[in-house]
Amino acid sequence: MSNNFTAVEVDIIKEIINIGGGNVATSISKIIGKKVHMNLPIITQLTYNQIFETIMPAEEVVKAVQMEVDGAIKGQFLLLVDEKNIIQFSP
């Protein structure tokens, strides 16, 4: 984790992700009629290139959703699902 965040700030970010992610998991579960499991978040600060070098190889086909957060707190969330697992989101 970068030195840009204090331990308290990291805990706050994790809690926000837990709440939001839990809501998303519940909604997706209702839509597809299947259980959706969610792990505890890991907070890491990466450059744009590091995201793809670290998470998935460049040749990997993925489905992605990017969401921008605006207001008092600004940022972006990026959801990546590899193509072979996207079928699990089908009802």
PDB file of N, CA and C in Angstrom:
ATOM      1  N   MET A   1       0.844  -1.180   0.000  1.00  0.00           N
ATOM      2  CA  MET A   1       0.000   0.000   0.000  1.00  0.00           C
ATOM      3  C   MET A   1       0.882   1.234   0.000  1.00  0.00           C
ATOM      4  N   SER A   2       0.485   2.206  -0.725  1.00  0.00           N
ATOM      5  CA  SER A   2       1.230   3.461  -0.804  1.00  0.00           C
ATOM      6  C   SER A   2       1.189   4.193   0.532  1.00  0.00           C
ATOM      7  N   ASN A   3       2.173   5.027   0.751  1.00  0.00           N
ATOM      8  CA  ASN A   3       2.208   5.853   1.954  1.00  0.00           C
ATOM      9  C   ASN A   3       1.215   7.008   1.879  1.00  0.00           C
ATOM     10  N   ASN A   4       0.455   7.096   0.793  1.00  0.00           N
ATOM     11  CA  ASN A   4      -0.508   8.184   0.633  1.00  0.00           C
ATOM     12  C   ASN A   4      -1.701   8.050   1.566  1.00  0.00           C
ATOM     13  N   PHE A   5      -1.951   6.879   2.118  1.00  0.00           N
ATOM     14  CA  PHE A   5      -3.112   6.640   2.971  1.00  0.00           C
ATOM     15  C   PHE A   5      -2.673   6.219   4.369  1.00  0.00           C
ATOM     16  N   THR A   6      -3.389   6.712   5.371  1.00  0.00           N
ATOM     17  CA  THR A   6      -3.152   6.243   6.738  1.00  0.00           C
ATOM     18  C   THR A   6      -3.901   4.933   6.930  1.00  0.00           C
ATOM     19  N   ALA A   7      -3.609   4.224   8.003  1.00  0.00           N
ATOM     20  CA  ALA A   7      -4.302   2.966   8.296  1.00  0.00           C
ATOM     21  C   ALA A   7      -5.805   3.195   8.450  1.00  0.00           C
ATOM     22  N   VAL A   8      -6.181   4.306   9.061  1.00  0.00           N
ATOM     23  CA  VAL A   8      -7.604   4.627   9.235  1.00  0.00           C
ATOM     24  C   VAL A   8      -8.263   4.868   7.874  1.00  0.00           C
ATOM     25  N   GLU A   9      -7.574   5.589   6.996  1.00  0.00           N
ATOM     26  CA  GLU A   9      -8.128   5.841   5.665  1.00  0.00           C
ATOM     27  C   GLU A   9      -8.309   4.542   4.887  1.00  0.00           C
ATOM     28  N   VAL A  10      -7.347   3.634   4.986  1.00  0.00           N
ATOM     29  CA  VAL A  10      -7.466   2.333   4.316  1.00  0.00           C
ATOM     30  C   VAL A  10      -8.662   1.565   4.870  1.00  0.00           C
ATOM     31  N   ASP A  11      -8.856   1.579   6.187  1.00  0.00           N
ATOM     32  CA  ASP A  11     -10.007   0.912   6.791  1.00  0.00           C
ATOM     33  C   ASP A  11     -11.323   1.520   6.300  1.00  0.00           C
ATOM     34  N   ILE A  12     -11.369   2.830   6.163  1.00  0.00           N
ATOM     35  CA  ILE A  12     -12.577   3.495   5.668  1.00  0.00           C
ATOM     36  C   ILE A  12     -12.858   3.077   4.228  1.00  0.00           C
ATOM     37  N   ILE A  13     -11.827   3.058   3.393  1.00  0.00           N
ATOM     38  CA  ILE A  13     -11.989   2.646   1.996  1.00  0.00           C
ATOM     39  C   ILE A  13     -12.489   1.204   1.929  1.00  0.00           C
ATOM     40  N   LYS A  14     -11.906   0.321   2.733  1.00  0.00           N
ATOM     41  CA  LYS A  14     -12.351  -1.077   2.749  1.00  0.00           C
ATOM     42  C   LYS A  14     -13.815  -1.187   3.152  1.00  0.00           C
ATOM     43  N   GLU A  15     -14.226  -0.419   4.138  1.00  0.00           N
ATOM     44  CA  GLU A  15     -15.613  -0.477   4.600  1.00  0.00           C
ATOM     45  C   GLU A  15     -16.565   0.024   3.520  1.00  0.00           C
ATOM     46  N   ILE A  16     -16.199   1.092   2.840  1.00  0.00           N
ATOM     47  CA  ILE A  16     -17.027   1.593   1.739  1.00  0.00           C
ATOM     48  C   ILE A  16     -17.156   0.521   0.654  1.00  0.00           C
ATOM     49  N   ILE A  17     -16.048  -0.124   0.322  1.00  0.00           N
ATOM     50  CA  ILE A  17     -16.070  -1.187  -0.693  1.00  0.00           C
ATOM     51  C   ILE A  17     -16.907  -2.358  -0.216  1.00  0.00           C
ATOM     52  N   ASN A  18     -16.788  -2.728   1.061  1.00  0.00           N
ATOM     53  CA  ASN A  18     -17.594  -3.832   1.596  1.00  0.00           C
ATOM     54  C   ASN A  18     -19.081  -3.544   1.477  1.00  0.00           C
ATOM     55  N   ILE A  19     -19.484  -2.341   1.854  1.00  0.00           N
ATOM     56  CA  ILE A  19     -20.901  -1.977   1.805  1.00  0.00           C
ATOM     57  C   ILE A  19     -21.380  -1.937   0.358  1.00  0.00           C
ATOM     58  N   GLY A  20     -20.666  -1.213  -0.477  1.00  0.00           N
ATOM     59  CA  GLY A  20     -21.054  -1.109  -1.889  1.00  0.00           C
ATOM     60  C   GLY A  20     -20.987  -2.439  -2.597  1.00  0.00           C
ATOM     61  N   GLY A  21     -19.915  -3.186  -2.357  1.00  0.00           N
ATOM     62  CA  GLY A  21     -19.759  -4.502  -2.988  1.00  0.00           C
ATOM     63  C   GLY A  21     -20.824  -5.481  -2.542  1.00  0.00           C
ATOM     64  N   GLY A  22     -21.187  -5.412  -1.265  1.00  0.00           N
ATOM     65  CA  GLY A  22     -22.250  -6.280  -0.755  1.00  0.00           C
ATOM     66  C   GLY A  22     -23.574  -5.974  -1.429  1.00  0.00           C
ATOM     67  N   ASN A  23     -23.861  -4.697  -1.630  1.00  0.00           N
ATOM     68  CA  ASN A  23     -25.084  -4.307  -2.334  1.00  0.00           C
ATOM     69  C   ASN A  23     -25.069  -4.790  -3.785  1.00  0.00           C
ATOM     70  N   VAL A  24     -23.917  -4.661  -4.435  1.00  0.00           N
ATOM     71  CA  VAL A  24     -23.786  -5.118  -5.816  1.00  0.00           C
ATOM     72  C   VAL A  24     -23.951  -6.635  -5.887  1.00  0.00           C
ATOM     73  N   ALA A  25     -23.286  -7.357  -4.985  1.00  0.00           N
ATOM     74  CA  ALA A  25     -23.382  -8.822  -4.984  1.00  0.00           C
ATOM     75  C   ALA A  25     -24.826  -9.271  -4.776  1.00  0.00           C
ATOM     76  N   THR A  26     -25.529  -8.617  -3.870  1.00  0.00           N
ATOM     77  CA  THR A  26     -26.937  -8.956  -3.623  1.00  0.00           C
ATOM     78  C   THR A  26     -27.783  -8.695  -4.868  1.00  0.00           C
ATOM     79  N   SER A  27     -27.577  -7.556  -5.508  1.00  0.00           N
ATOM     80  CA  SER A  27     -28.341  -7.222  -6.712  1.00  0.00           C
ATOM     81  C   SER A  27     -28.064  -8.202  -7.843  1.00  0.00           C
ATOM     82  N   ILE A  28     -26.786  -8.513  -8.075  1.00  0.00           N
ATOM     83  CA  ILE A  28     -26.435  -9.467  -9.134  1.00  0.00           C
ATOM     84  C   ILE A  28     -27.030 -10.832  -8.822  1.00  0.00           C
ATOM     85  N   SER A  29     -26.959 -11.241  -7.563  1.00  0.00           N
ATOM     86  CA  SER A  29     -27.519 -12.527  -7.147  1.00  0.00           C
ATOM     87  C   SER A  29     -29.014 -12.603  -7.461  1.00  0.00           C
ATOM     88  N   LYS A  30     -29.742 -11.530  -7.183  1.00  0.00           N
ATOM     89  CA  LYS A  30     -31.184 -11.495  -7.472  1.00  0.00           C
ATOM     90  C   LYS A  30     -31.449 -11.546  -8.973  1.00  0.00           C
ATOM     91  N   ILE A  31     -30.623 -10.861  -9.747  1.00  0.00           N
ATOM     92  CA  ILE A  31     -30.816 -10.829 -11.201  1.00  0.00           C
ATOM     93  C   ILE A  31     -30.571 -12.196 -11.827  1.00  0.00           C
ATOM     94  N   ILE A  32     -29.494 -12.863 -11.422  1.00  0.00           N
ATOM     95  CA  ILE A  32     -29.133 -14.133 -12.066  1.00  0.00           C
ATOM     96  C   ILE A  32     -29.693 -15.347 -11.338  1.00  0.00           C
ATOM     97  N   GLY A  33     -30.249 -15.138 -10.149  1.00  0.00           N
ATOM     98  CA  GLY A  33     -30.839 -16.252  -9.410  1.00  0.00           C
ATOM     99  C   GLY A  33     -29.823 -17.249  -8.882  1.00  0.00           C
ATOM    100  N   LYS A  34     -28.617 -16.788  -8.628  1.00  0.00           N
ATOM    101  CA  LYS A  34     -27.547 -17.647  -8.114  1.00  0.00           C
ATOM    102  C   LYS A  34     -26.837 -16.910  -6.988  1.00  0.00           C
ATOM    103  N   LYS A  35     -26.167 -17.673  -6.108  1.00  0.00           N
ATOM    104  CA  LYS A  35     -25.359 -17.053  -5.067  1.00  0.00           C
ATOM    105  C   LYS A  35     -24.152 -16.359  -5.682  1.00  0.00           C
ATOM    106  N   VAL A  36     -23.797 -15.230  -5.136  1.00  0.00           N
ATOM    107  CA  VAL A  36     -22.602 -14.503  -5.551  1.00  0.00           C
ATOM    108  C   VAL A  36     -21.715 -14.366  -4.320  1.00  0.00           C
ATOM    109  N   HIS A  37     -20.501 -14.857  -4.411  1.00  0.00           N
ATOM    110  CA  HIS A  37     -19.570 -14.795  -3.286  1.00  0.00           C
ATOM    111  C   HIS A  37     -18.620 -13.622  -3.486  1.00  0.00           C
ATOM    112  N   MET A  38     -18.311 -12.956  -2.392  1.00  0.00           N
ATOM    113  CA  MET A  38     -17.427 -11.793  -2.442  1.00  0.00           C
ATOM    114  C   MET A  38     -16.359 -11.946  -1.366  1.00  0.00           C
ATOM    115  N   ASN A  39     -15.115 -11.726  -1.744  1.00  0.00           N
ATOM    116  CA  ASN A  39     -14.015 -11.754  -0.779  1.00  0.00           C
ATOM    117  C   ASN A  39     -13.804 -10.367  -0.192  1.00  0.00           C
ATOM    118  N   LEU A  40     -13.113 -10.319   0.925  1.00  0.00           N
ATOM    119  CA  LEU A  40     -12.763  -9.029   1.510  1.00  0.00           C
ATOM    120  C   LEU A  40     -11.847  -8.279   0.555  1.00  0.00           C
ATOM    121  N   PRO A  41     -12.016  -6.972   0.458  1.00  0.00           N
ATOM    122  CA  PRO A  41     -11.194  -6.211  -0.496  1.00  0.00           C
ATOM    123  C   PRO A  41      -9.739  -6.118  -0.054  1.00  0.00           C
ATOM    124  N   ILE A  42      -8.877  -6.044  -1.049  1.00  0.00           N
ATOM    125  CA  ILE A  42      -7.460  -5.776  -0.839  1.00  0.00           C
ATOM    126  C   ILE A  42      -7.215  -4.413  -1.475  1.00  0.00           C
ATOM    127  N   ILE A  43      -6.705  -3.488  -0.700  1.00  0.00           N
ATOM    128  CA  ILE A  43      -6.478  -2.134  -1.201  1.00  0.00           C
ATOM    129  C   ILE A  43      -5.038  -2.023  -1.685  1.00  0.00           C
ATOM    130  N   THR A  44      -4.884  -1.696  -2.964  1.00  0.00           N
ATOM    131  CA  THR A  44      -3.571  -1.546  -3.565  1.00  0.00           C
ATOM    132  C   THR A  44      -3.606  -0.354  -4.501  1.00  0.00           C
ATOM    133  N   GLN A  45      -2.556   0.404  -4.509  1.00  0.00           N
ATOM    134  CA  GLN A  45      -2.464   1.533  -5.422  1.00  0.00           C
ATOM    135  C   GLN A  45      -1.550   1.140  -6.572  1.00  0.00           C
ATOM    136  N   LEU A  46      -2.087   1.181  -7.802  1.00  0.00           N
ATOM    137  CA  LEU A  46      -1.336   0.788  -8.990  1.00  0.00           C
ATOM    138  C   LEU A  46      -1.472   1.855 -10.067  1.00  0.00           C
ATOM    139  N   THR A  47      -0.493   1.912 -10.955  1.00  0.00           N
ATOM    140  CA  THR A  47      -0.643   2.750 -12.141  1.00  0.00           C
ATOM    141  C   THR A  47      -1.588   2.028 -13.102  1.00  0.00           C
ATOM    142  N   TYR A  48      -2.076   2.740 -14.104  1.00  0.00           N
ATOM    143  CA  TYR A  48      -2.983   2.145 -15.083  1.00  0.00           C
ATOM    144  C   TYR A  48      -2.352   0.906 -15.721  1.00  0.00           C
ATOM    145  N   ASN A  49      -1.093   1.009 -16.140  1.00  0.00           N
ATOM    146  CA  ASN A  49      -0.423  -0.131 -16.772  1.00  0.00           C
ATOM    147  C   ASN A  49      -0.229  -1.281 -15.801  1.00  0.00           C
ATOM    148  N   GLN A  50       0.089  -0.982 -14.546  1.00  0.00           N
ATOM    149  CA  GLN A  50       0.281  -2.034 -13.554  1.00  0.00           C
ATOM    150  C   GLN A  50      -0.997  -2.829 -13.314  1.00  0.00           C
ATOM    151  N   ILE A  51      -2.148  -2.173 -13.442  1.00  0.00           N
ATOM    152  CA  ILE A  51      -3.412  -2.879 -13.242  1.00  0.00           C
ATOM    153  C   ILE A  51      -3.472  -4.087 -14.165  1.00  0.00           C
ATOM    154  N   PHE A  52      -3.217  -3.874 -15.433  1.00  0.00           N
ATOM    155  CA  PHE A  52      -3.352  -4.958 -16.393  1.00  0.00           C
ATOM    156  C   PHE A  52      -2.154  -5.899 -16.389  1.00  0.00           C
ATOM    157  N   GLU A  53      -0.984  -5.412 -16.055  1.00  0.00           N
ATOM    158  CA  GLU A  53       0.178  -6.290 -15.940  1.00  0.00           C
ATOM    159  C   GLU A  53       0.022  -7.218 -14.745  1.00  0.00           C
ATOM    160  N   THR A  54      -0.584  -6.707 -13.662  1.00  0.00           N
ATOM    161  CA  THR A  54      -0.717  -7.455 -12.418  1.00  0.00           C
ATOM    162  C   THR A  54      -1.929  -8.374 -12.421  1.00  0.00           C
ATOM    163  N   ILE A  55      -3.070  -7.876 -12.880  1.00  0.00           N
ATOM    164  CA  ILE A  55      -4.321  -8.620 -12.760  1.00  0.00           C
ATOM    165  C   ILE A  55      -4.498  -9.633 -13.876  1.00  0.00           C
ATOM    166  N   MET A  56      -4.316  -9.216 -15.115  1.00  0.00           N
ATOM    167  CA  MET A  56      -4.556 -10.104 -16.245  1.00  0.00           C
ATOM    168  C   MET A  56      -3.555  -9.808 -17.347  1.00  0.00           C
ATOM    169  N   PRO A  57      -3.129 -10.865 -18.061  1.00  0.00           N
ATOM    170  CA  PRO A  57      -2.208 -10.640 -19.176  1.00  0.00           C
ATOM    171  C   PRO A  57      -2.869  -9.815 -20.282  1.00  0.00           C
ATOM    172  N   ALA A  58      -2.065  -9.121 -21.058  1.00  0.00           N
ATOM    173  CA  ALA A  58      -2.580  -8.217 -22.097  1.00  0.00           C
ATOM    174  C   ALA A  58      -3.442  -8.939 -23.118  1.00  0.00           C
ATOM    175  N   GLU A  59      -3.147 -10.200 -23.398  1.00  0.00           N
ATOM    176  CA  GLU A  59      -3.902 -10.924 -24.429  1.00  0.00           C
ATOM    177  C   GLU A  59      -5.210 -11.517 -23.897  1.00  0.00           C
ATOM    178  N   GLU A  60      -5.464 -11.412 -22.600  1.00  0.00           N
ATOM    179  CA  GLU A  60      -6.683 -11.940 -21.988  1.00  0.00           C
ATOM    180  C   GLU A  60      -7.884 -11.066 -22.360  1.00  0.00           C
ATOM    181  N   VAL A  61      -8.959 -11.709 -22.834  1.00  0.00           N
ATOM    182  CA  VAL A  61     -10.183 -10.985 -23.158  1.00  0.00           C
ATOM    183  C   VAL A  61     -10.999 -10.861 -21.884  1.00  0.00           C
ATOM    184  N   VAL A  62     -11.435  -9.640 -21.561  1.00  0.00           N
ATOM    185  CA  VAL A  62     -12.197  -9.400 -20.341  1.00  0.00           C
ATOM    186  C   VAL A  62     -13.440  -8.574 -20.650  1.00  0.00           C
ATOM    187  N   LYS A  63     -14.390  -8.658 -19.753  1.00  0.00           N
ATOM    188  CA  LYS A  63     -15.542  -7.766 -19.761  1.00  0.00           C
ATOM    189  C   LYS A  63     -15.296  -6.803 -18.606  1.00  0.00           C
ATOM    190  N   ALA A  64     -15.502  -5.522 -18.836  1.00  0.00           N
ATOM    191  CA  ALA A  64     -15.153  -4.538 -17.823  1.00  0.00           C
ATOM    192  C   ALA A  64     -16.267  -3.514 -17.650  1.00  0.00           C
ATOM    193  N   VAL A  65     -16.394  -3.059 -16.410  1.00  0.00           N
ATOM    194  CA  VAL A  65     -17.283  -1.954 -16.088  1.00  0.00           C
ATOM    195  C   VAL A  65     -16.449  -0.953 -15.298  1.00  0.00           C
ATOM    196  N   GLN A  66     -16.431   0.276 -15.773  1.00  0.00           N
ATOM    197  CA  GLN A  66     -15.713   1.339 -15.086  1.00  0.00           C
ATOM    198  C   GLN A  66     -16.741   2.343 -14.594  1.00  0.00           C
ATOM    199  N   MET A  67     -16.622   2.713 -13.335  1.00  0.00           N
ATOM    200  CA  MET A  67     -17.562   3.656 -12.753  1.00  0.00           C
ATOM    201  C   MET A  67     -16.778   4.801 -12.128  1.00  0.00           C
ATOM    202  N   GLU A  68     -17.162   6.010 -12.479  1.00  0.00           N
ATOM    203  CA  GLU A  68     -16.506   7.191 -11.922  1.00  0.00           C
ATOM    204  C   GLU A  68     -17.310   7.692 -10.728  1.00  0.00           C
ATOM    205  N   VAL A  69     -16.622   8.045  -9.679  1.00  0.00           N
ATOM    206  CA  VAL A  69     -17.237   8.601  -8.482  1.00  0.00           C
ATOM    207  C   VAL A  69     -16.899  10.082  -8.460  1.00  0.00           C
ATOM    208  N   ASP A  70     -17.921  10.903  -8.269  1.00  0.00           N
ATOM    209  CA  ASP A  70     -17.708  12.344  -8.275  1.00  0.00           C
ATOM    210  C   ASP A  70     -18.398  12.943  -7.057  1.00  0.00           C
ATOM    211  N   GLY A  71     -17.907  14.040  -6.593  1.00  0.00           N
ATOM    212  CA  GLY A  71     -18.477  14.691  -5.419  1.00  0.00           C
ATOM    213  C   GLY A  71     -17.365  15.012  -4.445  1.00  0.00           C
ATOM    214  N   ALA A  72     -17.653  14.885  -3.149  1.00  0.00           N
ATOM    215  CA  ALA A  72     -16.650  15.180  -2.123  1.00  0.00           C
ATOM    216  C   ALA A  72     -15.457  14.241  -2.255  1.00  0.00           C
ATOM    217  N   ILE A  73     -15.722  13.004  -2.660  1.00  0.00           N
ATOM    218  CA  ILE A  73     -14.663  12.021  -2.907  1.00  0.00           C
ATOM    219  C   ILE A  73     -14.697  11.682  -4.388  1.00  0.00           C
ATOM    220  N   LYS A  74     -13.577  11.784  -5.042  1.00  0.00           N
ATOM    221  CA  LYS A  74     -13.502  11.479  -6.474  1.00  0.00           C
ATOM    222  C   LYS A  74     -12.645  10.239  -6.673  1.00  0.00           C
ATOM    223  N   GLY A  75     -13.017   9.441  -7.646  1.00  0.00           N
ATOM    224  CA  GLY A  75     -12.231   8.256  -7.948  1.00  0.00           C
ATOM    225  C   GLY A  75     -12.914   7.416  -9.002  1.00  0.00           C
ATOM    226  N   GLN A  76     -12.400   6.212  -9.196  1.00  0.00           N
ATOM    227  CA  GLN A  76     -12.953   5.286 -10.178  1.00  0.00           C
ATOM    228  C   GLN A  76     -12.919   3.885  -9.612  1.00  0.00           C
ATOM    229  N   PHE A  77     -13.934   3.129  -9.978  1.00  0.00           N
ATOM    230  CA  PHE A  77     -13.966   1.701  -9.678  1.00  0.00           C
ATOM    231  C   PHE A  77     -13.898   0.962 -11.000  1.00  0.00           C
ATOM    232  N   LEU A  78     -13.186  -0.148 -11.027  1.00  0.00           N
ATOM    233  CA  LEU A  78     -13.044  -0.935 -12.235  1.00  0.00           C
ATOM    234  C   LEU A  78     -13.350  -2.389 -11.892  1.00  0.00           C
ATOM    235  N   LEU A  79     -14.368  -2.952 -12.542  1.00  0.00           N
ATOM    236  CA  LEU A  79     -14.716  -4.359 -12.369  1.00  0.00           C
ATOM    237  C   LEU A  79     -14.294  -5.091 -13.622  1.00  0.00           C
ATOM    238  N   LEU A  80     -13.428  -6.094 -13.463  1.00  0.00           N
ATOM    239  CA  LEU A  80     -12.962  -6.910 -14.584  1.00  0.00           C
ATOM    240  C   LEU A  80     -13.381  -8.355 -14.352  1.00  0.00           C
ATOM    241  N   VAL A  81     -13.962  -8.968 -15.370  1.00  0.00           N
ATOM    242  CA  VAL A  81     -14.314 -10.381 -15.306  1.00  0.00           C
ATOM    243  C   VAL A  81     -13.764 -11.029 -16.563  1.00  0.00           C
ATOM    244  N   ASP A  82     -12.996 -12.122 -16.388  1.00  0.00           N
ATOM    245  CA  ASP A  82     -12.458 -12.761 -17.586  1.00  0.00           C
ATOM    246  C   ASP A  82     -13.590 -13.439 -18.355  1.00  0.00           C
ATOM    247  N   GLU A  83     -13.362 -13.587 -19.650  1.00  0.00           N
ATOM    248  CA  GLU A  83     -14.427 -14.029 -20.555  1.00  0.00           C
ATOM    249  C   GLU A  83     -14.975 -15.408 -20.184  1.00  0.00           C
ATOM    250  N   LYS A  84     -14.118 -16.305 -19.722  1.00  0.00           N
ATOM    251  CA  LYS A  84     -14.606 -17.655 -19.405  1.00  0.00           C
ATOM    252  C   LYS A  84     -15.503 -17.670 -18.167  1.00  0.00           C
ATOM    253  N   ASN A  85     -15.400 -16.660 -17.304  1.00  0.00           N
ATOM    254  CA  ASN A  85     -16.236 -16.623 -16.110  1.00  0.00           C
ATOM    255  C   ASN A  85     -17.459 -15.714 -16.223  1.00  0.00           C
ATOM    256  N   ILE A  86     -17.530 -14.926 -17.302  1.00  0.00           N
ATOM    257  CA  ILE A  86     -18.665 -14.014 -17.456  1.00  0.00           C
ATOM    258  C   ILE A  86     -19.960 -14.797 -17.601  1.00  0.00           C
ATOM    259  N   ILE A  87     -19.891 -16.013 -18.116  1.00  0.00           N
ATOM    260  CA  ILE A  87     -21.080 -16.845 -18.292  1.00  0.00           C
ATOM    261  C   ILE A  87     -21.778 -17.102 -16.955  1.00  0.00           C
ATOM    262  N   GLN A  88     -21.050 -17.037 -15.862  1.00  0.00           N
ATOM    263  CA  GLN A  88     -21.646 -17.239 -14.533  1.00  0.00           C
ATOM    264  C   GLN A  88     -22.637 -16.133 -14.180  1.00  0.00           C
ATOM    265  N   PHE A  89     -22.583 -15.006 -14.895  1.00  0.00           N
ATOM    266  CA  PHE A  89     -23.516 -13.917 -14.661  1.00  0.00           C
ATOM    267  C   PHE A  89     -24.801 -14.102 -15.462  1.00  0.00           C
ATOM    268  N   SER A  90     -24.848 -15.148 -16.294  1.00  0.00           N
ATOM    269  CA  SER A  90     -26.064 -15.400 -17.079  1.00  0.00           C
ATOM    270  C   SER A  90     -27.093 -16.127 -16.229  1.00  0.00           C
ATOM    271  N   PRO A  91     -28.375 -15.745 -16.368  1.00  0.00           N
ATOM    272  CA  PRO A  91     -29.434 -16.411 -15.590  1.00  0.00           C
ATOM    273  C   PRO A  91     -29.631 -17.850 -16.036  1.00  0.00           C
TER     274      PRO A  91
END
